[in-house]
PDB file of N, CA and C in Angstrom:
ATOM      1  N   MET A   1       8.877 -40.445 -55.196  1.00  0.00           N
ATOM      2  CA  MET A   1       9.060 -41.058 -53.898  1.00  0.00           C
ATOM      3  C   MET A   1      10.501 -41.532 -53.741  1.00  0.00           C
ATOM      4  N   ALA A   2      11.044 -42.171 -54.769  1.00  0.00           N
ATOM      5  CA  ALA A   2      12.419 -42.654 -54.701  1.00  0.00           C
ATOM      6  C   ALA A   2      13.396 -41.492 -54.548  1.00  0.00           C
ATOM      7  N   THR A   3      13.080 -40.370 -55.198  1.00  0.00           N
ATOM      8  CA  THR A   3      13.942 -39.193 -55.081  1.00  0.00           C
ATOM      9  C   THR A   3      13.953 -38.674 -53.653  1.00  0.00           C
ATOM     10  N   MET A   4      12.802 -38.674 -52.991  1.00  0.00           N
ATOM     11  CA  MET A   4      12.722 -38.204 -51.606  1.00  0.00           C
ATOM     12  C   MET A   4      13.535 -39.116 -50.690  1.00  0.00           C
ATOM     13  N   VAL A   5      13.471 -40.409 -50.921  1.00  0.00           N
ATOM     14  CA  VAL A   5      14.229 -41.357 -50.108  1.00  0.00           C
ATOM     15  C   VAL A   5      15.732 -41.145 -50.329  1.00  0.00           C
ATOM     16  N   THR A   6      16.123 -40.928 -51.572  1.00  0.00           N
ATOM     17  CA  THR A   6      17.530 -40.693 -51.888  1.00  0.00           C
ATOM     18  C   THR A   6      18.019 -39.411 -51.222  1.00  0.00           C
ATOM     19  N   VAL A   7      17.234 -38.351 -51.296  1.00  0.00           N
ATOM     20  CA  VAL A   7      17.615 -37.075 -50.682  1.00  0.00           C
ATOM     21  C   VAL A   7      17.704 -37.234 -49.162  1.00  0.00           C
ATOM     22  N   ALA A   8      16.740 -37.922 -48.564  1.00  0.00           N
ATOM     23  CA  ALA A   8      16.759 -38.135 -47.119  1.00  0.00           C
ATOM     24  C   ALA A   8      17.996 -38.927 -46.713  1.00  0.00           C
ATOM     25  N   GLY A   9      18.347 -39.925 -47.484  1.00  0.00           N
ATOM     26  CA  GLY A   9      19.544 -40.717 -47.204  1.00  0.00           C
ATOM     27  C   GLY A   9      20.807 -39.884 -47.294  1.00  0.00           C
ATOM     28  N   MET A  10      20.882 -39.025 -48.303  1.00  0.00           N
ATOM     29  CA  MET A  10      22.059 -38.175 -48.466  1.00  0.00           C
ATOM     30  C   MET A  10      22.167 -37.187 -47.307  1.00  0.00           C
ATOM     31  N   LEU A  11      21.044 -36.637 -46.868  1.00  0.00           N
ATOM     32  CA  LEU A  11      21.058 -35.714 -45.730  1.00  0.00           C
ATOM     33  C   LEU A  11      21.500 -36.420 -44.457  1.00  0.00           C
ATOM     34  N   ALA A  12      21.043 -37.640 -44.269  1.00  0.00           N
ATOM     35  CA  ALA A  12      21.437 -38.410 -43.089  1.00  0.00           C
ATOM     36  C   ALA A  12      22.932 -38.693 -43.107  1.00  0.00           C
ATOM     37  N   LEU A  13      23.467 -39.064 -44.253  1.00  0.00           N
ATOM     38  CA  LEU A  13      24.905 -39.315 -44.362  1.00  0.00           C
ATOM     39  C   LEU A  13      25.707 -38.047 -44.111  1.00  0.00           C
ATOM     40  N   ALA A  14      25.235 -36.924 -44.616  1.00  0.00           N
ATOM     41  CA  ALA A  14      25.931 -35.659 -44.395  1.00  0.00           C
ATOM     42  C   ALA A  14      25.933 -35.299 -42.913  1.00  0.00           C
ATOM     43  N   ALA A  15      24.815 -35.532 -42.238  1.00  0.00           N
ATOM     44  CA  ALA A  15      24.738 -35.245 -40.799  1.00  0.00           C
ATOM     45  C   ALA A  15      25.685 -36.140 -40.024  1.00  0.00           C
ATOM     46  N   CYS A  16      25.746 -37.412 -40.382  1.00  0.00           N
ATOM     47  CA  CYS A  16      26.660 -38.341 -39.711  1.00  0.00           C
ATOM     48  C   CYS A  16      28.109 -37.932 -39.936  1.00  0.00           C
ATOM     49  N   ALA A  17      28.428 -37.540 -41.124  1.00  0.00           N
ATOM     50  CA  ALA A  17      29.803 -37.130 -41.426  1.00  0.00           C
ATOM     51  C   ALA A  17      30.181 -35.900 -40.620  1.00  0.00           C
ATOM     52  N   ARG A  18      29.257 -34.974 -40.479  1.00  0.00           N
ATOM     53  CA  ARG A  18      29.543 -33.751 -39.714  1.00  0.00           C
ATOM     54  C   ARG A  18      29.740 -34.084 -38.241  1.00  0.00           C
ATOM     55  N   LEU A  19      28.874 -34.940 -37.686  1.00  0.00           N
ATOM     56  CA  LEU A  19      28.974 -35.287 -36.275  1.00  0.00           C
ATOM     57  C   LEU A  19      30.205 -36.126 -35.981  1.00  0.00           C
ATOM     58  N   SER A  20      30.603 -36.969 -36.929  1.00  0.00           N
ATOM     59  CA  SER A  20      31.758 -37.823 -36.669  1.00  0.00           C
ATOM     60  C   SER A  20      33.053 -37.020 -36.625  1.00  0.00           C
ATOM     61  N   GLY A  21      33.059 -35.796 -37.143  1.00  0.00           N
ATOM     62  CA  GLY A  21      34.242 -34.953 -37.075  1.00  0.00           C
ATOM     63  C   GLY A  21      34.538 -34.506 -35.656  1.00  0.00           C
ATOM     64  N   ARG A  22      33.526 -34.488 -34.815  1.00  0.00           N
ATOM     65  CA  ARG A  22      33.715 -34.139 -33.416  1.00  0.00           C
ATOM     66  C   ARG A  22      33.992 -35.418 -32.647  1.00  0.00           C
ATOM     67  N   ARG A  23      34.937 -35.330 -31.764  1.00  0.00           N
ATOM     68  CA  ARG A  23      35.193 -36.517 -30.964  1.00  0.00           C
ATOM     69  C   ARG A  23      35.334 -36.122 -29.507  1.00  0.00           C
ATOM     70  N   ASP A  24      35.060 -37.080 -28.658  1.00  0.00           N
ATOM     71  CA  ASP A  24      35.160 -36.853 -27.223  1.00  0.00           C
ATOM     72  C   ASP A  24      36.613 -36.868 -26.789  1.00  0.00           C
ATOM     73  N   LEU A  25      36.994 -35.853 -26.032  1.00  0.00           N
ATOM     74  CA  LEU A  25      38.316 -35.794 -25.425  1.00  0.00           C
ATOM     75  C   LEU A  25      38.126 -35.780 -23.924  1.00  0.00           C
ATOM     76  N   PRO A  26      38.866 -36.608 -23.164  1.00  0.00           N
ATOM     77  CA  PRO A  26      38.757 -36.535 -21.704  1.00  0.00           C
ATOM     78  C   PRO A  26      39.002 -35.095 -21.270  1.00  0.00           C
ATOM     79  N   ALA A  27      38.253 -34.635 -20.266  1.00  0.00           N
ATOM     80  CA  ALA A  27      38.336 -33.237 -19.862  1.00  0.00           C
ATOM     81  C   ALA A  27      38.238 -33.100 -18.350  1.00  0.00           C
ATOM     82  N   VAL A  28      38.641 -31.946 -17.862  1.00  0.00           N
ATOM     83  CA  VAL A  28      38.479 -31.571 -16.458  1.00  0.00           C
ATOM     84  C   VAL A  28      37.793 -30.210 -16.415  1.00  0.00           C
ATOM     85  N   LEU A  29      37.093 -29.973 -15.308  1.00  0.00           N
ATOM     86  CA  LEU A  29      36.431 -28.688 -15.132  1.00  0.00           C
ATOM     87  C   LEU A  29      37.463 -27.608 -14.862  1.00  0.00           C
ATOM     88  N   THR A  30      37.236 -26.435 -15.431  1.00  0.00           N
ATOM     89  CA  THR A  30      38.085 -25.283 -15.167  1.00  0.00           C
ATOM     90  C   THR A  30      37.216 -24.202 -14.545  1.00  0.00           C
ATOM     91  N   ASN A  31      37.753 -23.510 -13.577  1.00  0.00           N
ATOM     92  CA  ASN A  31      37.038 -22.428 -12.901  1.00  0.00           C
ATOM     93  C   ASN A  31      35.633 -22.833 -12.447  1.00  0.00           C
ATOM     94  N   PRO A  32      35.519 -23.911 -11.650  1.00  0.00           N
ATOM     95  CA  PRO A  32      34.180 -24.319 -11.207  1.00  0.00           C
ATOM     96  C   PRO A  32      33.531 -23.228 -10.348  1.00  0.00           C
ATOM     97  N   THR A  33      32.243 -23.085 -10.521  1.00  0.00           N
ATOM     98  CA  THR A  33      31.456 -22.104  -9.766  1.00  0.00           C
ATOM     99  C   THR A  33      30.378 -22.854  -8.996  1.00  0.00           C
ATOM    100  N   ALA A  34      29.707 -22.147  -8.117  1.00  0.00           N
ATOM    101  CA  ALA A  34      28.591 -22.753  -7.386  1.00  0.00           C
ATOM    102  C   ALA A  34      27.523 -23.228  -8.376  1.00  0.00           C
ATOM    103  N   GLU A  35      27.313 -22.443  -9.426  1.00  0.00           N
ATOM    104  CA  GLU A  35      26.316 -22.804 -10.445  1.00  0.00           C
ATOM    105  C   GLU A  35      26.730 -24.068 -11.205  1.00  0.00           C
ATOM    106  N   SER A  36      28.002 -24.170 -11.594  1.00  0.00           N
ATOM    107  CA  SER A  36      28.438 -25.350 -12.346  1.00  0.00           C
ATOM    108  C   SER A  36      28.457 -26.587 -11.459  1.00  0.00           C
ATOM    109  N   ARG A  37      28.801 -26.436 -10.169  1.00  0.00           N
ATOM    110  CA  ARG A  37      28.770 -27.579  -9.246  1.00  0.00           C
ATOM    111  C   ARG A  37      27.336 -28.045  -9.039  1.00  0.00           C
ATOM    112  N   ALA A  38      26.403 -27.099  -8.890  1.00  0.00           N
ATOM    113  CA  ALA A  38      24.992 -27.460  -8.725  1.00  0.00           C
ATOM    114  C   ALA A  38      24.472 -28.179  -9.973  1.00  0.00           C
ATOM    115  N   GLU A  39      24.891 -27.719 -11.137  1.00  0.00           N
ATOM    116  CA  GLU A  39      24.485 -28.373 -12.388  1.00  0.00           C
ATOM    117  C   GLU A  39      25.036 -29.794 -12.449  1.00  0.00           C
ATOM    118  N   LEU A  40      26.279 -29.984 -12.013  1.00  0.00           N
ATOM    119  CA  LEU A  40      26.887 -31.313 -11.996  1.00  0.00           C
ATOM    120  C   LEU A  40      26.113 -32.235 -11.056  1.00  0.00           C
ATOM    121  N   VAL A  41      25.768 -31.744  -9.871  1.00  0.00           N
ATOM    122  CA  VAL A  41      24.992 -32.551  -8.917  1.00  0.00           C
ATOM    123  C   VAL A  41      23.644 -32.923  -9.529  1.00  0.00           C
ATOM    124  N   ARG A  42      22.980 -31.971 -10.165  1.00  0.00           N
ATOM    125  CA  ARG A  42      21.685 -32.271 -10.801  1.00  0.00           C
ATOM    126  C   ARG A  42      21.835 -33.315 -11.902  1.00  0.00           C
ATOM    127  N   ALA A  43      22.892 -33.202 -12.701  1.00  0.00           N
ATOM    128  CA  ALA A  43      23.097 -34.151 -13.803  1.00  0.00           C
ATOM    129  C   ALA A  43      23.347 -35.561 -13.276  1.00  0.00           C
ATOM    130  N   VAL A  44      24.189 -35.680 -12.263  1.00  0.00           N
ATOM    131  CA  VAL A  44      24.494 -37.009 -11.712  1.00  0.00           C
ATOM    132  C   VAL A  44      23.263 -37.569 -11.009  1.00  0.00           C
ATOM    133  N   SER A  45      22.605 -36.753 -10.194  1.00  0.00           N
ATOM    134  CA  SER A  45      21.396 -37.207  -9.508  1.00  0.00           C
ATOM    135  C   SER A  45      20.328 -37.632 -10.509  1.00  0.00           C
ATOM    136  N   GLY A  46      20.162 -36.865 -11.560  1.00  0.00           N
ATOM    137  CA  GLY A  46      19.195 -37.223 -12.597  1.00  0.00           C
ATOM    138  C   GLY A  46      19.530 -38.544 -13.265  1.00  0.00           C
ATOM    139  N   ALA A  47      20.812 -38.783 -13.500  1.00  0.00           N
ATOM    140  CA  ALA A  47      21.235 -40.047 -14.107  1.00  0.00           C
ATOM    141  C   ALA A  47      20.965 -41.225 -13.179  1.00  0.00           C
ATOM    142  N   LEU A  48      20.896 -40.937 -11.883  1.00  0.00           N
ATOM    143  CA  LEU A  48      20.653 -41.980 -10.880  1.00  0.00           C
ATOM    144  C   LEU A  48      19.213 -41.925 -10.381  1.00  0.00           C
ATOM    145  N   HIS A  49      18.319 -41.475 -11.243  1.00  0.00           N
ATOM    146  CA  HIS A  49      16.877 -41.444 -10.977  1.00  0.00           C
ATOM    147  C   HIS A  49      16.518 -40.608  -9.755  1.00  0.00           C
ATOM    148  N   GLY A  50      17.210 -39.472  -9.573  1.00  0.00           N
ATOM    149  CA  GLY A  50      16.870 -38.546  -8.501  1.00  0.00           C
ATOM    150  C   GLY A  50      17.472 -38.882  -7.146  1.00  0.00           C
ATOM    151  N   ALA A  51      18.370 -39.849  -7.101  1.00  0.00           N
ATOM    152  CA  ALA A  51      18.991 -40.205  -5.820  1.00  0.00           C
ATOM    153  C   ALA A  51      19.780 -39.011  -5.285  1.00  0.00           C
ATOM    154  N   PRO A  52      19.680 -38.756  -3.985  1.00  0.00           N
ATOM    155  CA  PRO A  52      20.477 -37.656  -3.421  1.00  0.00           C
ATOM    156  C   PRO A  52      21.952 -38.033  -3.437  1.00  0.00           C
ATOM    157  N   ILE A  53      22.799 -37.100  -3.842  1.00  0.00           N
ATOM    158  CA  ILE A  53      24.229 -37.382  -3.904  1.00  0.00           C
ATOM    159  C   ILE A  53      24.998 -36.233  -3.277  1.00  0.00           C
ATOM    160  N   THR A  54      26.214 -36.537  -2.905  1.00  0.00           N
ATOM    161  CA  THR A  54      27.140 -35.537  -2.401  1.00  0.00           C
ATOM    162  C   THR A  54      28.426 -35.683  -3.185  1.00  0.00           C
ATOM    163  N   ILE A  55      28.932 -34.573  -3.699  1.00  0.00           N
ATOM    164  CA  ILE A  55      30.220 -34.616  -4.389  1.00  0.00           C
ATOM    165  C   ILE A  55      31.126 -33.543  -3.795  1.00  0.00           C
ATOM    166  N   ALA A  56      32.407 -33.757  -3.923  1.00  0.00           N
ATOM    167  CA  ALA A  56      33.388 -32.798  -3.423  1.00  0.00           C
ATOM    168  C   ALA A  56      33.386 -31.544  -4.289  1.00  0.00           C
ATOM    169  N   ASP A  57      33.783 -30.430  -3.693  1.00  0.00           N
ATOM    170  CA  ASP A  57      33.845 -29.171  -4.442  1.00  0.00           C
ATOM    171  C   ASP A  57      34.832 -29.239  -5.602  1.00  0.00           C
ATOM    172  N   ASP A  58      35.853 -30.100  -5.473  1.00  0.00           N
ATOM    173  CA  ASP A  58      36.852 -30.193  -6.541  1.00  0.00           C
ATOM    174  C   ASP A  58      36.619 -31.392  -7.468  1.00  0.00           C
ATOM    175  N   ALA A  59      35.407 -31.953  -7.450  1.00  0.00           N
ATOM    176  CA  ALA A  59      35.097 -33.091  -8.322  1.00  0.00           C
ATOM    177  C   ALA A  59      35.344 -32.716  -9.783  1.00  0.00           C
ATOM    178  N   LEU A  60      35.975 -33.592 -10.506  1.00  0.00           N
ATOM    179  CA  LEU A  60      36.278 -33.460 -11.938  1.00  0.00           C
ATOM    180  C   LEU A  60      37.215 -32.294 -12.258  1.00  0.00           C
ATOM    181  N   THR A  61      37.961 -31.811 -11.269  1.00  0.00           N
ATOM    182  CA  THR A  61      38.919 -30.738 -11.541  1.00  0.00           C
ATOM    183  C   THR A  61      40.336 -31.264 -11.715  1.00  0.00           C
ATOM    184  N   ARG A  62      40.602 -32.483 -11.255  1.00  0.00           N
ATOM    185  CA  ARG A  62      41.941 -33.076 -11.365  1.00  0.00           C
ATOM    186  C   ARG A  62      41.967 -34.344 -12.202  1.00  0.00           C
ATOM    187  N   ASP A  63      40.785 -34.876 -12.461  1.00  0.00           N
ATOM    188  CA  ASP A  63      40.663 -36.126 -13.205  1.00  0.00           C
ATOM    189  C   ASP A  63      39.356 -36.073 -13.980  1.00  0.00           C
ATOM    190  N   SER A  64      39.281 -36.822 -15.059  1.00  0.00           N
ATOM    191  CA  SER A  64      38.085 -36.780 -15.899  1.00  0.00           C
ATOM    192  C   SER A  64      37.035 -37.804 -15.480  1.00  0.00           C
ATOM    193  N   THR A  65      37.304 -38.566 -14.431  1.00  0.00           N
ATOM    194  CA  THR A  65      36.340 -39.576 -13.984  1.00  0.00           C
ATOM    195  C   THR A  65      35.749 -39.209 -12.633  1.00  0.00           C
ATOM    196  N   LEU A  66      34.514 -39.602 -12.441  1.00  0.00           N
ATOM    197  CA  LEU A  66      33.799 -39.386 -11.197  1.00  0.00           C
ATOM    198  C   LEU A  66      33.137 -40.703 -10.825  1.00  0.00           C
ATOM    199  N   ILE A  67      33.404 -41.173  -9.627  1.00  0.00           N
ATOM    200  CA  ILE A  67      32.831 -42.434  -9.156  1.00  0.00           C
ATOM    201  C   ILE A  67      31.907 -42.118  -7.986  1.00  0.00           C
ATOM    202  N   ILE A  68      30.669 -42.552  -8.109  1.00  0.00           N
ATOM    203  CA  ILE A  68      29.669 -42.335  -7.070  1.00  0.00           C
ATOM    204  C   ILE A  68      29.376 -43.685  -6.425  1.00  0.00           C
ATOM    205  N   GLU A  69      29.695 -43.777  -5.128  1.00  0.00           N
ATOM    206  CA  GLU A  69      29.420 -45.009  -4.386  1.00  0.00           C
ATOM    207  C   GLU A  69      28.061 -44.905  -3.720  1.00  0.00           C
ATOM    208  N   ARG A  70      27.445 -46.044  -3.540  1.00  0.00           N
ATOM    209  CA  ARG A  70      26.154 -46.081  -2.855  1.00  0.00           C
ATOM    210  C   ARG A  70      26.362 -45.823  -1.364  1.00  0.00           C
ATOM    211  N   ALA A  71      25.424 -45.094  -0.792  1.00  0.00           N
ATOM    212  CA  ALA A  71      25.470 -44.872   0.651  1.00  0.00           C
ATOM    213  C   ALA A  71      25.087 -46.172   1.352  1.00  0.00           C
ATOM    214  N   PRO A  72      25.838 -46.535   2.402  1.00  0.00           N
ATOM    215  CA  PRO A  72      25.489 -47.783   3.093  1.00  0.00           C
ATOM    216  C   PRO A  72      24.124 -47.664   3.761  1.00  0.00           C
ATOM    217  N   PRO A  73      23.338 -48.738   3.725  1.00  0.00           N
ATOM    218  CA  PRO A  73      22.017 -48.676   4.357  1.00  0.00           C
ATOM    219  C   PRO A  73      22.154 -48.493   5.875  1.00  0.00           C
ATOM    220  N   ARG A  74      21.237 -47.702   6.438  1.00  0.00           N
ATOM    221  CA  ARG A  74      21.270 -47.410   7.876  1.00  0.00           C
ATOM    222  C   ARG A  74      19.901 -47.681   8.484  1.00  0.00           C
ATOM    223  N   ASP A  75      19.908 -47.910   9.793  1.00  0.00           N
ATOM    224  CA  ASP A  75      18.625 -48.089  10.474  1.00  0.00           C
ATOM    225  C   ASP A  75      18.027 -46.719  10.787  1.00  0.00           C
ATOM    226  N   ALA A  76      16.893 -46.710  11.484  1.00  0.00           N
ATOM    227  CA  ALA A  76      16.176 -45.460  11.756  1.00  0.00           C
ATOM    228  C   ALA A  76      16.995 -44.478  12.583  1.00  0.00           C
ATOM    229  N   SER A  77      17.937 -44.970  13.386  1.00  0.00           N
ATOM    230  CA  SER A  77      18.744 -44.067  14.207  1.00  0.00           C
ATOM    231  C   SER A  77      20.046 -43.661  13.517  1.00  0.00           C
ATOM    232  N   GLY A  78      20.245 -44.108  12.284  1.00  0.00           N
ATOM    233  CA  GLY A  78      21.424 -43.708  11.521  1.00  0.00           C
ATOM    234  C   GLY A  78      22.615 -44.631  11.627  1.00  0.00           C
ATOM    235  N   VAL A  79      22.455 -45.724  12.347  1.00  0.00           N
ATOM    236  CA  VAL A  79      23.549 -46.685  12.500  1.00  0.00           C
ATOM    237  C   VAL A  79      23.604 -47.561  11.251  1.00  0.00           C
ATOM    238  N   PRO A  80      24.817 -47.744  10.679  1.00  0.00           N
ATOM    239  CA  PRO A  80      24.918 -48.603   9.491  1.00  0.00           C
ATOM    240  C   PRO A  80      24.446 -50.028   9.793  1.00  0.00           C
ATOM    241  N   LEU A  81      23.671 -50.560   8.880  1.00  0.00           N
ATOM    242  CA  LEU A  81      23.220 -51.942   9.022  1.00  0.00           C
ATOM    243  C   LEU A  81      24.384 -52.864   8.711  1.00  0.00           C
ATOM    244  N   SER A  82      24.432 -53.972   9.406  1.00  0.00           N
ATOM    245  CA  SER A  82      25.517 -54.906   9.126  1.00  0.00           C
ATOM    246  C   SER A  82      25.214 -55.623   7.820  1.00  0.00           C
ATOM    247  N   GLY A  83      26.249 -56.064   7.191  1.00  0.00           N
ATOM    248  CA  GLY A  83      26.085 -56.746   5.917  1.00  0.00           C
ATOM    249  C   GLY A  83      26.923 -56.086   4.857  1.00  0.00           C
ATOM    250  N   ARG A  84      27.044 -56.777   3.783  1.00  0.00           N
ATOM    251  CA  ARG A  84      27.897 -56.300   2.702  1.00  0.00           C
ATOM    252  C   ARG A  84      27.065 -55.550   1.676  1.00  0.00           C
ATOM    253  N   GLU A  85      27.589 -54.449   1.188  1.00  0.00           N
ATOM    254  CA  GLU A  85      26.942 -53.690   0.118  1.00  0.00           C
ATOM    255  C   GLU A  85      27.329 -54.343  -1.200  1.00  0.00           C
ATOM    256  N   VAL A  86      26.339 -54.818  -1.929  1.00  0.00           N
ATOM    257  CA  VAL A  86      26.633 -55.526  -3.178  1.00  0.00           C
ATOM    258  C   VAL A  86      26.465 -54.648  -4.417  1.00  0.00           C
ATOM    259  N   GLY A  87      25.933 -53.452  -4.219  1.00  0.00           N
ATOM    260  CA  GLY A  87      25.757 -52.554  -5.363  1.00  0.00           C
ATOM    261  C   GLY A  87      27.094 -52.020  -5.846  1.00  0.00           C
ATOM    262  N   LYS A  88      27.227 -51.904  -7.139  1.00  0.00           N
ATOM    263  CA  LYS A  88      28.463 -51.380  -7.723  1.00  0.00           C
ATOM    264  C   LYS A  88      28.399 -49.860  -7.785  1.00  0.00           C
ATOM    265  N   PRO A  89      29.542 -49.200  -7.661  1.00  0.00           N
ATOM    266  CA  PRO A  89      29.544 -47.742  -7.811  1.00  0.00           C
ATOM    267  C   PRO A  89      29.222 -47.358  -9.254  1.00  0.00           C
ATOM    268  N   GLU A  90      28.721 -46.148  -9.416  1.00  0.00           N
ATOM    269  CA  GLU A  90      28.405 -45.624 -10.743  1.00  0.00           C
ATOM    270  C   GLU A  90      29.592 -44.789 -11.224  1.00  0.00           C
ATOM    271  N   HIS A  91      29.945 -44.963 -12.479  1.00  0.00           N
ATOM    272  CA  HIS A  91      31.078 -44.251 -13.062  1.00  0.00           C
ATOM    273  C   HIS A  91      30.585 -43.243 -14.088  1.00  0.00           C
ATOM    274  N   PHE A  92      31.157 -42.051 -14.016  1.00  0.00           N
ATOM    275  CA  PHE A  92      30.875 -40.985 -14.965  1.00  0.00           C
ATOM    276  C   PHE A  92      32.211 -40.478 -15.484  1.00  0.00           C
ATOM    277  N   ARG A  93      32.198 -39.933 -16.685  1.00  0.00           N
ATOM    278  CA  ARG A  93      33.408 -39.297 -17.200  1.00  0.00           C
ATOM    279  C   ARG A  93      33.016 -37.986 -17.870  1.00  0.00           C
ATOM    280  N   LEU A  94      33.918 -37.028 -17.724  1.00  0.00           N
ATOM    281  CA  LEU A  94      33.706 -35.729 -18.346  1.00  0.00           C
ATOM    282  C   LEU A  94      34.512 -35.686 -19.630  1.00  0.00           C
ATOM    283  N   VAL A  95      33.860 -35.278 -20.710  1.00  0.00           N
ATOM    284  CA  VAL A  95      34.544 -35.150 -21.996  1.00  0.00           C
ATOM    285  C   VAL A  95      34.260 -33.781 -22.579  1.00  0.00           C
ATOM    286  N   ARG A  96      35.151 -33.369 -23.427  1.00  0.00           N
ATOM    287  CA  ARG A  96      34.930 -32.150 -24.206  1.00  0.00           C
ATOM    288  C   ARG A  96      34.649 -32.600 -25.628  1.00  0.00           C
ATOM    289  N   ASN A  97      33.519 -32.160 -26.144  1.00  0.00           N
ATOM    290  CA  ASN A  97      33.130 -32.494 -27.508  1.00  0.00           C
ATOM    291  C   ASN A  97      32.877 -31.175 -28.212  1.00  0.00           C
ATOM    292  N   GLY A  98      33.802 -30.801 -29.084  1.00  0.00           N
ATOM    293  CA  GLY A  98      33.722 -29.469 -29.683  1.00  0.00           C
ATOM    294  C   GLY A  98      33.951 -28.449 -28.583  1.00  0.00           C
ATOM    295  N   SER A  99      33.007 -27.551 -28.387  1.00  0.00           N
ATOM    296  CA  SER A  99      33.134 -26.553 -27.327  1.00  0.00           C
ATOM    297  C   SER A  99      32.281 -26.913 -26.106  1.00  0.00           C
ATOM    298  N   HIS A 100      31.701 -28.105 -26.098  1.00  0.00           N
ATOM    299  CA  HIS A 100      30.781 -28.505 -25.032  1.00  0.00           C
ATOM    300  C   HIS A 100      31.451 -29.422 -24.011  1.00  0.00           C
ATOM    301  N   CYS A 101      31.075 -29.223 -22.734  1.00  0.00           N
ATOM    302  CA  CYS A 101      31.462 -30.136 -21.657  1.00  0.00           C
ATOM    303  C   CYS A 101      30.314 -31.123 -21.505  1.00  0.00           C
ATOM    304  N   VAL A 102      30.615 -32.404 -21.629  1.00  0.00           N
ATOM    305  CA  VAL A 102      29.574 -33.430 -21.619  1.00  0.00           C
ATOM    306  C   VAL A 102      29.900 -34.458 -20.550  1.00  0.00           C
ATOM    307  N   LEU A 103      28.906 -34.767 -19.707  1.00  0.00           N
ATOM    308  CA  LEU A 103      29.054 -35.794 -18.689  1.00  0.00           C
ATOM    309  C   LEU A 103      28.457 -37.079 -19.241  1.00  0.00           C
ATOM    310  N   VAL A 104      29.258 -38.154 -19.240  1.00  0.00           N
ATOM    311  CA  VAL A 104      28.823 -39.435 -19.792  1.00  0.00           C
ATOM    312  C   VAL A 104      28.675 -40.433 -18.651  1.00  0.00           C
ATOM    313  N   HIS A 105      27.502 -41.032 -18.538  1.00  0.00           N
ATOM    314  CA  HIS A 105      27.258 -42.095 -17.560  1.00  0.00           C
ATOM    315  C   HIS A 105      27.735 -43.397 -18.192  1.00  0.00           C
ATOM    316  N   GLU A 106      28.780 -43.968 -17.631  1.00  0.00           N
ATOM    317  CA  GLU A 106      29.421 -45.119 -18.260  1.00  0.00           C
ATOM    318  C   GLU A 106      28.484 -46.314 -18.422  1.00  0.00           C
ATOM    319  N   ARG A 107      27.679 -46.610 -17.406  1.00  0.00           N
ATOM    320  CA  ARG A 107      26.831 -47.810 -17.464  1.00  0.00           C
ATOM    321  C   ARG A 107      25.775 -47.708 -18.554  1.00  0.00           C
ATOM    322  N   THR A 108      25.192 -46.524 -18.714  1.00  0.00           N
ATOM    323  CA  THR A 108      24.090 -46.382 -19.664  1.00  0.00           C
ATOM    324  C   THR A 108      24.499 -45.751 -20.989  1.00  0.00           C
ATOM    325  N   GLY A 109      25.626 -45.032 -20.984  1.00  0.00           N
ATOM    326  CA  GLY A 109      26.038 -44.315 -22.185  1.00  0.00           C
ATOM    327  C   GLY A 109      25.305 -43.005 -22.378  1.00  0.00           C
ATOM    328  N   LYS A 110      24.405 -42.648 -21.468  1.00  0.00           N
ATOM    329  CA  LYS A 110      23.650 -41.400 -21.608  1.00  0.00           C
ATOM    330  C   LYS A 110      24.577 -40.213 -21.379  1.00  0.00           C
ATOM    331  N   ARG A 111      24.308 -39.168 -22.135  1.00  0.00           N
ATOM    332  CA  ARG A 111      25.154 -37.971 -22.136  1.00  0.00           C
ATOM    333  C   ARG A 111      24.342 -36.763 -21.718  1.00  0.00           C
ATOM    334  N   ARG A 112      24.957 -35.910 -20.909  1.00  0.00           N
ATOM    335  CA  ARG A 112      24.318 -34.671 -20.483  1.00  0.00           C
ATOM    336  C   ARG A 112      25.307 -33.535 -20.708  1.00  0.00           C
ATOM    337  N   THR A 113      24.897 -32.560 -21.490  1.00  0.00           N
ATOM    338  CA  THR A 113      25.745 -31.391 -21.720  1.00  0.00           C
ATOM    339  C   THR A 113      25.624 -30.465 -20.515  1.00  0.00           C
ATOM    340  N   LEU A 114      26.768 -30.058 -19.985  1.00  0.00           N
ATOM    341  CA  LEU A 114      26.813 -29.154 -18.843  1.00  0.00           C
ATOM    342  C   LEU A 114      26.956 -27.734 -19.385  1.00  0.00           C
ATOM    343  N   LYS A 115      25.892 -26.971 -19.338  1.00  0.00           N
ATOM    344  CA  LYS A 115      25.892 -25.642 -19.943  1.00  0.00           C
ATOM    345  C   LYS A 115      26.595 -24.597 -19.093  1.00  0.00           C
ATOM    346  N   ALA A 116      26.577 -24.763 -17.767  1.00  0.00           N
ATOM    347  CA  ALA A 116      27.195 -23.758 -16.888  1.00  0.00           C
ATOM    348  C   ALA A 116      28.683 -24.042 -16.643  1.00  0.00           C
ATOM    349  N   ALA A 117      29.144 -25.187 -17.093  1.00  0.00           N
ATOM    350  CA  ALA A 117      30.523 -25.592 -16.817  1.00  0.00           C
ATOM    351  C   ALA A 117      31.472 -25.182 -17.939  1.00  0.00           C
ATOM    352  N   THR A 118      32.710 -24.966 -17.558  1.00  0.00           N
ATOM    353  CA  THR A 118      33.784 -24.789 -18.543  1.00  0.00           C
ATOM    354  C   THR A 118      34.777 -25.902 -18.287  1.00  0.00           C
ATOM    355  N   CYS A 119      35.336 -26.427 -19.353  1.00  0.00           N
ATOM    356  CA  CYS A 119      36.282 -27.525 -19.202  1.00  0.00           C
ATOM    357  C   CYS A 119      37.368 -27.424 -20.251  1.00  0.00           C
ATOM    358  N   SER A 120      38.445 -28.129 -19.993  1.00  0.00           N
ATOM    359  CA  SER A 120      39.532 -28.183 -20.960  1.00  0.00           C
ATOM    360  C   SER A 120      39.981 -29.631 -21.088  1.00  0.00           C
ATOM    361  N   PRO A 121      40.546 -29.976 -22.240  1.00  0.00           N
ATOM    362  CA  PRO A 121      41.017 -31.347 -22.429  1.00  0.00           C
ATOM    363  C   PRO A 121      42.010 -31.741 -21.335  1.00  0.00           C
ATOM    364  N   PHE A 122      41.958 -33.004 -20.953  1.00  0.00           N
ATOM    365  CA  PHE A 122      42.816 -33.547 -19.920  1.00  0.00           C
ATOM    366  C   PHE A 122      43.758 -34.557 -20.559  1.00  0.00           C
ATOM    367  N   PRO A 123      45.041 -34.437 -20.278  1.00  0.00           N
ATOM    368  CA  PRO A 123      45.996 -35.364 -20.925  1.00  0.00           C
ATOM    369  C   PRO A 123      45.760 -36.809 -20.658  1.00  0.00           C
TER     370      PRO A 123
END
């Protein structure tokens, strides 16, 4: 039993050492496509519990950060309700980890790998 625990511990340390060799580098999208933009919208919407979002076609192509502001509340006819919006915007950042493009939700730390996207490190 002690041998199994020792082996399991050594395997865990080896896995940690391998993963720690990869680090996140700020990144921007390269050659965005309709498919990669749709994937980005799904990832951000999913991080926000399915909230509908709109992003620009050039989102994350010039900067590694994406800020999503809450839509102001409106009445039934579409007129903005008076009052101050107290909700904070949501921040996301795109990183390259190894060969993967990963979207990180800053508030939660949750990570989503973007499989259809290509990205390159951003200075």
